[in-house]
């Protein structure tokens, strides 16, 4: 019986931090060697982080990577007979290639260059890389044939060559595959289909961590060719796991040395846990990787800011958070009390500021101008003044405290423009940018099943911006279950007006919502960075013109 021991390094790499990435690789490769590992696998572009975007267009960046790659190869000499798979950039005849190289005893013995370059959604690899047409590499360790491909090559079903008329027995796939809701099921289906076609076992090594608006969930796994043994690594955390491959009469079996396996479950609790962990990881890595020391949250007493606070405390701890209640005459005592109650539970620093005099001063300054234009009646102008005063004060605190403001707007508000430019749209990171209002409620209830951090009254009360007397969100928008259903079908499912109506939504509601989406495009062009959770977020892959005479319900 032939055995090969594999180390899967589910790595949290930071884009551009090549020295730290190398240190992680070396440290974990040494651990692997001590555990008698034969092959040590890292994710796609593990040396430089993914996605590096226009750093790839800078000569000094590529030169530095090459210098450090050479140093890494020399440092790996001490790990005799360990095959190390490293993701990096190769320059060949002036062209860049997305590369996996196998380093063995201080040399690169072979390399594979990515064949299929994704150029959709958040991916734009064709801007930087040249696609290779060289077949996947194949190498042999202890009489077992291993193949190597990179991420998109799996999704496109790349063909694999043979050695001595024997096909690849274990395919090593190095990935930087970002998370979206239900991505692991989609990923598992692709892997399963590939195994069925190519009759090989497969080890899938994925990146983990937050990188700007992208979230990499890890979820690395190993599946034998008969799908009898499925070994999975933990989601949303960096992890080093060892898998022993045993070949017995052409049968491949995987054995998990770390006992890290989890089950593929798809109930609602699993869904909410994944989303929660994704948001926590995204915020934590954004703060830590950008050397941010503190965050500020405008805590209104409503559910959105309460959820952001709950995510922030799980990601950063209470000592790195300051919340600010900015009350005006329309702010209810209930909101003030609920906000205070939540901060008492968590124990973070909380500031209370009344903004009445500031708002009154601005309104007084503008009164005569408004009067000239026959516009002295209160309307959205006065509501927006309140929001912008709050935004101004939060940003002033941010400057003085050397902190960032966490935006608290949700996807439903951003989609319909139910938010104020330079008011509640301010901040450096929009935690709920891709979280619908309906999901906000579900996540709040989920988090309270772990421990109570959000007062029940915040979850149960009717949503209100509290910018005028007795205001409710439902005064301007359809009920959120209807609104979010329309938005999901239009934005994420790409359904037409007629198709949405056929799902039993009223034409009036659909027209109203689609009109709001179109008319608020100018606000989204000034968007704040925020984690991507769905297949269609308001990120770099949402590109609609502001100047646009087309109506979606013609």
Protein backbone atom coordinates (compact mmCIF):
# COMPACT_ATOMS: atom_id res chain seq x y z
CA UNK A 1 0.00 0.00 0.00
CA UNK A 2 1.38 3.41 -1.05
CA UNK A 3 0.90 6.41 1.25
CA UNK A 4 1.31 10.14 0.68
CA UNK A 5 0.69 12.75 3.35
CA UNK A 6 -0.69 16.11 2.23
CA UNK A 7 -0.76 19.39 4.14
CA UNK A 8 -3.58 21.75 3.15
CA UNK A 9 -2.68 25.28 4.21
CA UNK A 10 -5.93 27.23 4.17
CA UNK A 11 -4.10 30.53 4.29
CA UNK A 12 -5.22 34.05 5.19
CA UNK A 13 -2.93 36.01 2.87
CA UNK A 14 -2.82 39.80 2.76
CA UNK A 15 -2.50 41.49 -0.62
CA UNK A 16 0.90 43.13 -1.00
CA UNK A 17 2.24 41.93 2.35
CA UNK A 18 4.66 39.55 0.68
CA UNK A 19 7.03 39.29 3.64
CA UNK A 20 4.27 38.31 6.07
CA UNK A 21 2.80 35.88 3.55
CA UNK A 22 6.20 34.22 3.14
CA UNK A 23 6.65 33.98 6.90
CA UNK A 24 3.29 32.21 7.18
CA UNK A 25 4.19 29.81 4.41
CA UNK A 26 7.58 29.00 5.93
CA UNK A 27 6.23 28.58 9.46
CA UNK A 28 3.49 26.20 8.34
CA UNK A 29 5.72 24.32 5.91
CA UNK A 30 8.09 23.61 8.82
CA UNK A 31 5.19 22.30 10.88
CA UNK A 32 4.18 20.12 7.94
CA UNK A 33 7.70 18.74 7.60
CA UNK A 34 7.79 17.85 11.32
CA UNK A 35 4.59 15.88 10.74
CA UNK A 36 6.18 13.86 7.92
CA UNK A 37 4.19 15.55 5.16
CA UNK A 38 5.15 14.85 1.54
CA UNK A 39 3.24 17.64 -0.25
CA UNK A 40 2.45 21.10 1.18
CA UNK A 41 -0.28 22.98 -0.75
CA UNK A 42 -1.06 26.71 -0.58
CA UNK A 43 -3.85 28.68 -2.32
CA UNK A 44 -3.79 30.63 -5.58
CA UNK A 45 -1.40 33.62 -5.53
CA UNK A 46 -0.49 32.77 -1.93
CA UNK A 47 2.73 34.75 -2.19
CA UNK A 48 1.15 38.12 -3.03
CA UNK A 49 -2.50 37.74 -1.98
CA UNK A 50 -5.64 37.82 -4.09
CA UNK A 51 -6.78 39.91 -5.88
CA UNK A 52 -3.80 42.24 -6.35
CA UNK A 53 -5.57 44.24 -9.10
CA UNK A 54 -3.42 47.05 -10.55
CA UNK A 55 -0.46 46.24 -8.34
CA UNK A 56 0.21 43.74 -11.12
CA UNK A 57 0.80 46.66 -13.50
CA UNK A 58 3.62 48.02 -11.34
CA UNK A 59 7.13 46.83 -12.23
CA UNK A 60 8.42 47.40 -8.70
CA UNK A 61 5.75 45.11 -7.29
CA UNK A 62 6.58 42.27 -9.67
CA UNK A 63 10.32 42.77 -9.09
CA UNK A 64 9.84 42.59 -5.32
CA UNK A 65 7.74 39.45 -5.61
CA UNK A 66 10.43 37.80 -7.76
CA UNK A 67 13.14 38.74 -5.28
CA UNK A 68 11.15 37.32 -2.37
CA UNK A 69 10.21 34.18 -4.28
CA UNK A 70 13.93 33.49 -4.82
CA UNK A 71 14.56 34.01 -1.08
CA UNK A 72 11.69 31.67 -0.20
CA UNK A 73 13.07 28.95 -2.47
CA UNK A 74 16.44 29.18 -0.71
CA UNK A 75 14.83 29.05 2.74
CA UNK A 76 12.85 25.94 1.79
CA UNK A 77 16.10 24.03 1.12
CA UNK A 78 16.19 22.88 4.73
CA UNK A 79 12.89 21.02 4.28
CA UNK A 80 14.32 18.07 2.42
CA UNK A 81 12.04 16.07 0.13
CA UNK A 82 8.99 18.27 0.79
CA UNK A 83 7.04 19.30 -2.30
CA UNK A 84 5.79 22.87 -1.74
CA UNK A 85 3.11 24.32 -4.04
CA UNK A 86 3.29 28.12 -4.15
CA UNK A 87 0.96 30.53 -5.96
CA UNK A 88 2.73 33.49 -7.57
CA UNK A 89 3.04 35.59 -10.74
CA UNK A 90 5.39 34.57 -13.56
CA UNK A 91 6.70 36.94 -16.22
CA UNK A 92 7.37 35.26 -19.57
CA UNK A 93 8.25 37.37 -22.63
CA UNK A 94 6.76 40.41 -20.93
CA UNK A 95 3.45 38.67 -20.19
CA UNK A 96 2.08 37.90 -16.71
CA UNK A 97 0.88 34.41 -15.83
CA UNK A 98 -1.07 33.25 -12.80
CA UNK A 99 1.20 30.43 -11.65
CA UNK A 100 1.52 27.49 -9.28
CA UNK A 101 5.13 26.31 -8.92
CA UNK A 102 6.34 23.18 -7.21
CA UNK A 103 9.42 23.82 -5.11
CA UNK A 104 11.45 20.76 -4.16
CA UNK A 105 14.85 20.66 -2.42
CA UNK A 106 15.59 24.32 -3.17
CA UNK A 107 14.46 24.39 -6.81
CA UNK A 108 11.36 25.05 -8.86
CA UNK A 109 10.97 21.68 -10.55
CA UNK A 110 7.88 22.56 -12.61
CA UNK A 111 5.13 25.18 -12.93
CA UNK A 112 1.54 25.34 -14.11
CA UNK A 113 0.07 28.47 -15.65
CA UNK A 114 -3.65 29.12 -15.28
CA UNK A 115 -5.56 28.31 -18.47
CA UNK A 116 -8.97 29.82 -17.74
CA UNK A 117 -9.03 33.43 -16.62
CA UNK A 118 -12.32 34.58 -15.05
CA UNK A 119 -13.57 37.88 -16.39
CA UNK A 120 -17.05 38.26 -14.91
CA UNK A 121 -18.69 39.46 -11.72
CA UNK A 122 -15.88 40.72 -9.45
CA UNK A 123 -13.16 39.03 -11.54
CA UNK A 124 -11.11 40.81 -14.20
CA UNK A 125 -8.05 38.60 -14.60
CA UNK A 126 -7.85 39.17 -18.36
CA UNK A 127 -6.88 42.75 -17.60
CA UNK A 128 -3.63 41.46 -16.12
CA UNK A 129 -2.86 37.87 -17.02
CA UNK A 130 -2.31 35.94 -20.22
CA UNK A 131 -4.11 32.62 -20.48
CA UNK A 132 -1.86 29.59 -20.88
CA UNK A 133 -2.65 26.71 -23.19
CA UNK A 134 -0.12 24.38 -21.61
CA UNK A 135 -1.79 21.28 -20.20
CA UNK A 136 -2.04 20.87 -16.43
CA UNK A 137 1.15 19.62 -14.85
CA UNK A 138 1.32 16.13 -13.45
CA UNK A 139 3.92 14.68 -11.08
CA UNK A 140 4.41 11.45 -9.19
CA UNK A 141 5.02 10.91 -5.48
CA UNK A 142 5.25 7.37 -4.03
CA UNK A 143 3.70 5.91 -7.20
CA UNK A 144 0.64 8.17 -6.97
CA UNK A 145 -0.02 10.56 -9.88
CA UNK A 146 -0.86 14.12 -8.82
CA UNK A 147 -2.21 16.84 -11.10
CA UNK A 148 -2.24 20.60 -10.43
CA UNK A 149 -4.70 23.21 -11.70
CA UNK A 150 -5.83 26.65 -10.54
CA UNK A 151 -9.36 27.63 -9.45
CA UNK A 152 -11.28 28.58 -12.63
CA UNK A 153 -9.72 25.66 -14.50
CA UNK A 154 -11.83 23.39 -12.29
CA UNK A 155 -15.02 25.35 -12.95
CA UNK A 156 -14.38 25.17 -16.71
CA UNK A 157 -13.68 21.42 -16.58
CA UNK A 158 -10.09 21.46 -17.87
CA UNK A 159 -8.78 18.15 -19.29
CA UNK A 160 -5.90 16.39 -17.51
CA UNK A 161 -3.01 14.48 -19.17
CA UNK A 162 -1.68 11.04 -18.23
CA UNK A 163 1.63 9.53 -17.09
CA UNK A 164 2.48 6.09 -18.42
CA UNK A 165 -1.13 5.72 -19.60
CA UNK A 166 -2.32 6.30 -16.04
CA UNK A 167 -4.44 9.38 -15.45
CA UNK A 168 -4.24 11.74 -12.52
CA UNK A 169 -5.24 9.91 -9.38
CA UNK A 170 -5.33 12.94 -7.09
CA UNK A 171 -5.96 16.43 -8.46
CA UNK A 172 -4.63 19.35 -6.39
CA UNK A 173 -6.65 22.51 -7.00
CA UNK A 174 -5.22 25.81 -5.69
CA UNK A 175 -7.93 28.44 -5.27
CA UNK A 176 -8.84 31.99 -4.38
CA UNK A 177 -12.58 31.43 -4.57
CA UNK A 178 -14.64 34.13 -2.83
CA UNK A 179 -17.70 33.44 -0.74
CA UNK A 180 -21.30 34.20 -1.48
CA UNK A 181 -24.42 32.76 0.14
CA UNK A 182 -24.73 29.04 -0.69
CA UNK A 183 -21.35 29.08 -2.49
CA UNK A 184 -20.17 25.93 -0.72
CA UNK A 185 -23.06 23.90 -2.15
CA UNK A 186 -22.38 25.30 -5.62
CA UNK A 187 -18.67 24.55 -5.21
CA UNK A 188 -19.33 21.01 -3.98
CA UNK A 189 -21.54 20.32 -7.01
CA UNK A 190 -18.78 21.45 -9.41
CA UNK A 191 -16.20 19.29 -7.66
CA UNK A 192 -18.52 16.30 -7.60
CA UNK A 193 -19.23 16.66 -11.33
CA UNK A 194 -15.51 16.91 -12.11
CA UNK A 195 -14.79 13.74 -10.14
CA UNK A 196 -17.57 11.91 -11.99
CA UNK A 197 -16.11 12.89 -15.37
CA UNK A 198 -12.40 12.42 -14.67
CA UNK A 199 -12.57 9.57 -12.14
CA UNK A 200 -9.96 11.16 -9.92
CA UNK A 201 -9.80 12.12 -6.27
CA UNK A 202 -9.55 15.84 -5.55
CA UNK A 203 -8.04 18.11 -2.91
CA UNK A 204 -9.36 21.66 -2.97
CA UNK A 205 -7.21 24.26 -1.14
CA UNK A 206 -8.87 27.65 -0.80
CA UNK A 207 -7.86 31.07 0.47
CA UNK A 208 -9.51 32.38 3.64
CA UNK A 209 -9.92 35.94 4.92
CA UNK A 210 -11.34 39.34 4.13
CA UNK A 211 -9.83 41.42 1.33
CA UNK A 212 -11.58 44.78 0.94
CA UNK A 213 -15.13 43.80 -0.12
CA UNK A 214 -14.31 40.15 -0.88
CA UNK A 215 -14.65 37.35 1.66
CA UNK A 216 -12.80 34.07 1.22
CA UNK A 217 -14.42 31.34 3.29
CA UNK A 218 -11.77 28.65 3.08
CA UNK A 219 -14.03 25.57 3.11
CA UNK A 220 -11.13 23.55 1.69
CA UNK A 221 -11.91 19.88 1.22
CA UNK A 222 -10.75 16.50 -0.01
CA UNK A 223 -12.99 13.99 -1.78
CA UNK A 224 -11.95 10.57 -3.01
CA UNK A 225 -12.88 9.35 -6.48
CA UNK A 226 -15.79 7.27 -5.18
CA UNK A 227 -16.98 10.09 -2.90
CA UNK A 228 -16.89 7.74 0.05
CA UNK A 229 -14.63 9.93 2.19
CA UNK A 230 -15.16 13.70 2.34
CA UNK A 231 -12.80 15.67 4.55
CA UNK A 232 -13.51 19.35 5.07
CA UNK A 233 -11.60 22.13 6.78
CA UNK A 234 -13.24 24.72 9.06
CA UNK A 235 -14.87 27.71 7.41
CA UNK A 236 -13.76 31.32 7.83
CA UNK A 237 -10.55 30.62 9.79
CA UNK A 238 -6.95 30.00 8.80
CA UNK A 239 -6.12 26.32 9.18
CA UNK A 240 -3.40 23.76 8.53
CA UNK A 241 -4.69 20.21 8.13
CA UNK A 242 -3.02 16.93 7.24
CA UNK A 243 -4.57 14.27 5.04
CA UNK A 244 -3.08 10.86 4.42
CA UNK A 245 -3.71 9.37 0.99
CA UNK A 246 -3.59 5.60 0.74
CA UNK A 247 -3.42 3.80 -2.59
CA UNK A 248 -4.47 0.14 -2.42
CA UNK A 249 -4.99 -1.72 -5.70
CA UNK A 250 -5.89 1.48 -7.58
CA UNK A 251 -8.30 2.56 -4.85
CA UNK A 252 -7.63 5.96 -3.27
CA UNK A 253 -8.67 6.56 0.33
CA UNK A 254 -8.34 9.77 2.36
CA UNK A 255 -7.73 9.79 6.10
CA UNK A 256 -8.03 12.98 8.13
CA UNK A 257 -5.20 13.35 10.62
CA UNK A 258 -6.65 16.48 12.27
CA UNK A 259 -10.27 15.43 12.84
CA UNK A 260 -11.40 18.83 11.53
CA UNK A 261 -14.24 17.60 9.38
CA UNK A 262 -17.68 19.18 9.46
CA UNK A 263 -20.86 18.10 7.75
CA UNK A 264 -22.36 19.77 4.71
CA UNK A 265 -25.60 21.04 6.25
CA UNK A 266 -28.02 23.41 4.59
CA UNK A 267 -30.62 24.25 7.20
CA UNK A 268 -31.39 27.86 8.16
CA UNK A 269 -29.16 27.87 11.24
CA UNK A 270 -26.24 26.82 9.07
CA UNK A 271 -27.04 29.60 6.60
CA UNK A 272 -27.19 32.30 9.26
CA UNK A 273 -24.02 31.04 10.97
CA UNK A 274 -22.15 31.22 7.66
CA UNK A 275 -23.37 34.76 6.95
CA UNK A 276 -22.53 35.86 10.48
CA UNK A 277 -19.05 34.37 10.40
CA UNK A 278 -18.46 35.92 6.97
CA UNK A 279 -19.40 39.41 8.18
CA UNK A 280 -17.30 39.08 11.33
CA UNK A 281 -14.26 37.89 9.36
CA UNK A 282 -14.69 40.64 6.77
CA UNK A 283 -14.81 43.43 9.33
CA UNK A 284 -12.02 41.97 11.47
CA UNK A 285 -9.63 41.62 8.53
CA UNK A 286 -10.48 45.05 7.12
CA UNK A 287 -9.64 46.64 10.46
CA UNK A 288 -6.55 44.57 11.25
CA UNK A 289 -5.03 44.47 7.77
CA UNK A 290 -5.39 48.25 7.45
CA UNK A 291 -3.91 48.93 10.92
CA UNK A 292 -7.09 50.57 12.17
CA UNK A 293 -7.19 50.97 15.93
CA UNK A 294 -10.80 51.91 16.65
CA UNK A 295 -14.29 52.05 15.14
CA UNK A 296 -17.22 54.42 15.71
CA UNK A 297 -20.87 53.50 15.23
CA UNK A 298 -23.80 55.88 15.22
CA UNK A 299 -26.18 53.93 17.46
CA UNK A 300 -29.75 55.03 16.79
CA UNK A 301 -31.69 52.51 18.85
CA UNK A 302 -32.79 50.84 15.60
CA UNK A 303 -32.01 47.34 14.41
CA UNK A 304 -29.44 48.16 11.70
CA UNK A 305 -26.98 49.97 13.95
CA UNK A 306 -27.62 47.40 16.68
CA UNK A 307 -26.68 44.58 14.31
CA UNK A 308 -23.53 46.41 13.20
CA UNK A 309 -22.54 46.82 16.86
CA UNK A 310 -23.11 43.11 17.50
CA UNK A 311 -20.96 42.17 14.49
CA UNK A 312 -18.27 44.65 15.54
CA UNK A 313 -18.01 43.33 19.09
CA UNK A 314 -17.65 39.76 17.82
CA UNK A 315 -15.02 40.89 15.31
CA UNK A 316 -13.01 43.37 17.39
CA UNK A 317 -14.01 43.25 21.04
CA UNK A 318 -15.73 45.98 23.04
CA UNK A 319 -12.58 48.02 23.75
CA UNK A 320 -12.14 48.97 20.09
CA UNK A 321 -15.68 50.34 19.72
CA UNK A 322 -17.28 53.68 20.55
CA UNK A 323 -20.99 54.15 19.94
CA UNK A 324 -22.66 57.54 19.64
CA UNK A 325 -26.33 58.34 20.17
CA UNK A 326 -27.12 61.59 18.30
CA UNK A 327 -30.61 62.51 19.44
CA UNK A 328 -32.97 65.15 18.05
CA UNK A 329 -36.48 66.14 19.06
CA UNK A 330 -37.93 63.32 16.92
CA UNK A 331 -35.74 60.70 18.61
CA UNK A 332 -37.97 58.69 20.93
CA UNK A 333 -37.04 57.97 24.52
CA UNK A 334 -37.45 54.31 23.59
CA UNK A 335 -34.61 54.59 21.07
CA UNK A 336 -32.36 56.36 23.60
CA UNK A 337 -33.10 53.70 26.23
CA UNK A 338 -32.66 50.74 23.86
CA UNK A 339 -29.31 52.03 22.60
CA UNK A 340 -28.08 52.54 26.18
CA UNK A 341 -29.35 49.10 27.21
CA UNK A 342 -27.40 47.43 24.41
CA UNK A 343 -24.16 49.24 25.28
CA UNK A 344 -24.66 48.28 28.93
CA UNK A 345 -24.88 44.63 27.86
CA UNK A 346 -21.75 44.87 25.71
CA UNK A 347 -19.77 47.27 27.87
CA UNK A 348 -18.35 49.49 25.12
CA UNK A 349 -17.80 53.24 25.39
CA UNK A 350 -21.03 55.12 24.62
CA UNK A 351 -21.48 58.86 23.97
CA UNK A 352 -24.76 60.80 24.05
CA UNK A 353 -25.03 64.05 22.05
CA UNK A 354 -28.10 66.24 21.46
CA UNK A 355 -28.07 67.82 18.00
CA UNK A 356 -31.12 70.13 18.35
CA UNK A 357 -29.14 73.37 18.57
CA UNK A 358 -26.98 72.49 15.54
CA UNK A 359 -29.98 71.58 13.38
CA UNK A 360 -31.80 74.74 14.52
CA UNK A 361 -28.78 76.86 13.66
CA UNK A 362 -28.59 75.47 10.12
CA UNK A 363 -32.33 75.88 9.57
CA UNK A 364 -32.17 79.43 10.90
CA UNK A 365 -29.25 80.27 8.60
CA UNK A 366 -31.15 78.98 5.57
CA UNK A 367 -34.60 80.26 6.51
CA UNK A 368 -34.52 83.48 4.49
CA UNK A 369 -33.15 81.68 1.42
CA UNK A 370 -35.86 79.03 1.71
CA UNK A 371 -38.44 81.82 2.09
CA UNK A 372 -37.31 83.51 -1.13
CA UNK A 373 -37.90 80.23 -2.94
CA UNK A 374 -41.29 79.70 -1.26
CA UNK A 375 -39.90 76.59 0.42
CA UNK A 376 -40.31 77.24 4.13
CA UNK A 377 -42.52 74.18 4.71
CA UNK A 378 -40.65 71.24 6.18
CA UNK A 379 -39.90 68.43 3.72
CA UNK A 380 -37.05 66.03 3.00
CA UNK A 381 -34.63 68.95 3.21
CA UNK A 382 -35.09 69.25 6.97
CA UNK A 383 -34.91 65.47 7.37
CA UNK A 384 -31.63 65.37 5.45
CA UNK A 385 -30.19 68.21 7.55
CA UNK A 386 -30.58 65.98 10.60
CA UNK A 387 -28.85 63.07 8.87
CA UNK A 388 -26.01 65.27 7.64
CA UNK A 389 -25.46 66.83 11.05
CA UNK A 390 -25.10 63.33 12.44
CA UNK A 391 -22.74 62.37 9.64
CA UNK A 392 -20.64 65.49 10.22
CA UNK A 393 -20.33 64.83 13.94
CA UNK A 394 -19.45 61.17 13.46
CA UNK A 395 -16.73 62.04 10.94
CA UNK A 396 -15.37 64.73 13.26
CA UNK A 397 -15.12 62.17 16.06
CA UNK A 398 -13.48 59.80 13.59
CA UNK A 399 -10.79 62.37 12.77
CA UNK A 400 -10.15 63.30 16.39
CA UNK A 401 -10.10 59.70 17.67
CA UNK A 402 -8.09 58.34 14.73
CA UNK A 403 -10.89 55.85 14.11
CA UNK A 404 -13.16 54.87 11.25
CA UNK A 405 -16.94 55.14 11.12
CA UNK A 406 -18.85 51.96 10.37
CA UNK A 407 -21.78 52.67 8.10
CA UNK A 408 -25.07 51.08 9.15
CA UNK A 409 -27.19 51.25 5.96
CA UNK A 410 -28.59 47.95 4.69
CA UNK A 411 -28.97 46.70 1.11
CA UNK A 412 -32.69 47.47 0.95
CA UNK A 413 -32.03 51.12 1.80
CA UNK A 414 -29.10 51.40 -0.59
CA UNK A 415 -31.14 49.80 -3.39
CA UNK A 416 -34.06 52.22 -3.01
CA UNK A 417 -32.08 55.32 -2.07
CA UNK A 418 -33.65 55.37 1.38
CA UNK A 419 -30.49 56.98 2.75
CA UNK A 420 -28.87 60.42 2.70
CA UNK A 421 -25.70 61.32 0.83
CA UNK A 422 -23.15 62.77 3.28
CA UNK A 423 -25.53 61.79 6.10
CA UNK A 424 -26.22 58.18 6.98
CA UNK A 425 -24.18 57.12 3.91
CA UNK A 426 -20.88 58.23 5.49
CA UNK A 427 -18.24 55.88 6.79
CA UNK A 428 -15.23 53.81 5.76
CA UNK A 429 -16.84 50.36 5.79
CA UNK A 430 -20.48 49.47 5.16
CA UNK A 431 -20.99 46.25 7.12
CA UNK A 432 -24.59 45.64 5.94
CA UNK A 433 -24.12 46.80 2.36
CA UNK A 434 -25.18 43.41 0.96
CA UNK A 435 -27.63 42.47 3.74
CA UNK A 436 -31.33 43.02 3.08
CA UNK A 437 -33.56 44.43 5.83
CA UNK A 438 -35.32 41.07 6.07
CA UNK A 439 -31.97 39.36 6.60
CA UNK A 440 -31.02 42.00 9.18
CA UNK A 441 -33.89 40.83 11.39
CA UNK A 442 -32.98 37.16 10.88
CA UNK A 443 -29.32 37.74 11.73
CA UNK A 444 -30.25 39.70 14.86
CA UNK A 445 -32.41 36.82 16.06
CA UNK A 446 -29.66 34.33 15.17
CA UNK A 447 -27.02 36.25 17.13
CA UNK A 448 -29.27 36.34 20.19
CA UNK A 449 -29.45 32.52 20.16
CA UNK A 450 -25.73 32.52 21.00
CA UNK A 451 -26.04 35.14 23.74
CA UNK A 452 -28.39 38.06 24.19
CA UNK A 453 -26.67 41.21 22.93
CA UNK A 454 -29.51 42.95 21.07
CA UNK A 455 -32.46 43.98 23.25
CA UNK A 456 -35.66 42.26 22.12
CA UNK A 457 -37.46 45.59 21.84
CA UNK A 458 -35.04 46.68 19.10
CA UNK A 459 -35.87 43.54 17.11
CA UNK A 460 -39.63 43.71 17.67
CA UNK A 461 -40.39 47.42 17.13
CA UNK A 462 -41.43 48.80 13.75
CA UNK A 463 -38.53 50.34 11.77
CA UNK A 464 -38.35 54.14 11.68
CA UNK A 465 -35.76 56.70 10.64
CA UNK A 466 -37.23 59.07 13.26
CA UNK A 467 -36.68 62.15 11.12
CA UNK A 468 -40.20 63.47 11.68
CA UNK A 469 -43.18 62.90 13.97
CA UNK A 470 -44.58 59.33 14.01
CA UNK A 471 -42.48 58.36 10.99
CA UNK A 472 -42.29 54.71 9.89
CA UNK A 473 -40.28 53.17 7.03
CA UNK A 474 -43.56 51.77 5.68
CA UNK A 475 -44.71 55.36 4.99
CA UNK A 476 -42.25 55.51 2.07
CA UNK A 477 -41.62 51.86 1.21
CA UNK A 478 -43.67 48.68 0.83
CA UNK A 479 -43.48 46.27 3.79
CA UNK A 480 -39.97 44.83 3.90
CA UNK A 481 -40.98 41.27 3.05
CA UNK A 482 -42.55 42.59 -0.17
CA UNK A 483 -39.79 45.11 -0.86
CA UNK A 484 -36.99 42.60 -0.39
CA UNK A 485 -38.76 40.00 -2.50
CA UNK A 486 -39.01 42.44 -5.39
CA UNK A 487 -35.42 43.62 -4.94
CA UNK A 488 -33.99 40.09 -4.78
CA UNK A 489 -35.82 39.06 -7.94
CA UNK A 490 -34.79 42.21 -9.83
CA UNK A 491 -31.21 42.64 -8.61
CA UNK A 492 -29.95 39.15 -7.85
CA UNK A 493 -32.20 36.98 -10.02
CA UNK A 494 -32.26 39.46 -12.95
CA UNK A 495 -36.01 39.04 -13.45
CA UNK A 496 -38.00 41.48 -15.58
CA UNK A 497 -40.94 43.58 -14.47
CA UNK A 498 -43.37 41.11 -16.01
CA UNK A 499 -41.64 38.12 -14.43
CA UNK A 500 -41.74 39.73 -10.99
CA UNK A 501 -45.44 40.53 -11.32
CA UNK A 502 -46.06 36.89 -12.27
CA UNK A 503 -44.78 35.99 -8.79
CA UNK A 504 -47.87 37.69 -7.28
CA UNK A 505 -46.39 41.09 -6.57
CA UNK A 506 -48.64 44.03 -7.35
CA UNK A 507 -47.75 46.08 -10.46
CA UNK A 508 -47.95 49.23 -8.35
CA UNK A 509 -45.39 47.97 -5.83
CA UNK A 510 -43.04 46.67 -8.52
CA UNK A 511 -43.15 49.94 -10.49
CA UNK A 512 -42.55 51.91 -7.32
CA UNK A 513 -39.55 49.81 -6.28
CA UNK A 514 -37.94 49.67 -9.72
CA UNK A 515 -38.34 53.44 -10.06
CA UNK A 516 -36.58 53.94 -6.73
CA UNK A 517 -33.73 51.63 -7.77
CA UNK A 518 -33.22 53.56 -10.99
CA UNK A 519 -33.52 57.06 -9.51
CA UNK A 520 -31.02 56.36 -6.71
CA UNK A 521 -28.19 55.18 -8.96
CA UNK A 522 -26.28 58.43 -8.41
CA UNK A 523 -26.05 57.62 -4.69
CA UNK A 524 -24.58 54.18 -5.31
CA UNK A 525 -21.85 55.69 -7.50
CA UNK A 526 -20.52 57.26 -4.29
CA UNK A 527 -20.67 53.90 -2.57
CA UNK A 528 -18.75 52.83 0.49
CA UNK A 529 -16.79 49.60 0.56
CA UNK A 530 -18.66 46.71 2.14
CA UNK A 531 -18.57 42.89 2.24
CA UNK A 532 -20.04 40.95 -0.68
CA UNK A 533 -22.50 38.25 0.38
CA UNK A 534 -24.70 37.66 -2.66
CA UNK A 535 -24.15 36.91 -6.32
CA UNK A 536 -25.15 40.49 -7.13
CA UNK A 537 -23.97 43.15 -4.74
CA UNK A 538 -23.64 46.91 -5.22
CA UNK A 539 -19.93 46.54 -5.77
CA UNK A 540 -17.64 46.67 -8.79
CA UNK A 541 -19.91 44.27 -10.70
CA UNK A 542 -22.96 46.59 -10.51
CA UNK A 543 -22.45 49.11 -13.31
CA UNK A 544 -25.54 51.01 -14.43
CA UNK A 545 -25.48 54.48 -16.00
CA UNK A 546 -26.73 57.42 -13.97
CA UNK A 547 -27.93 59.17 -17.09
CA UNK A 548 -30.47 56.60 -18.23
CA UNK A 549 -33.86 57.13 -19.90
CA UNK A 550 -34.76 53.44 -20.01
CA UNK A 551 -37.65 52.31 -17.82
CA UNK A 552 -37.64 48.70 -16.67
CA UNK A 553 -41.44 48.55 -16.76
CA UNK A 554 -42.05 49.87 -20.31
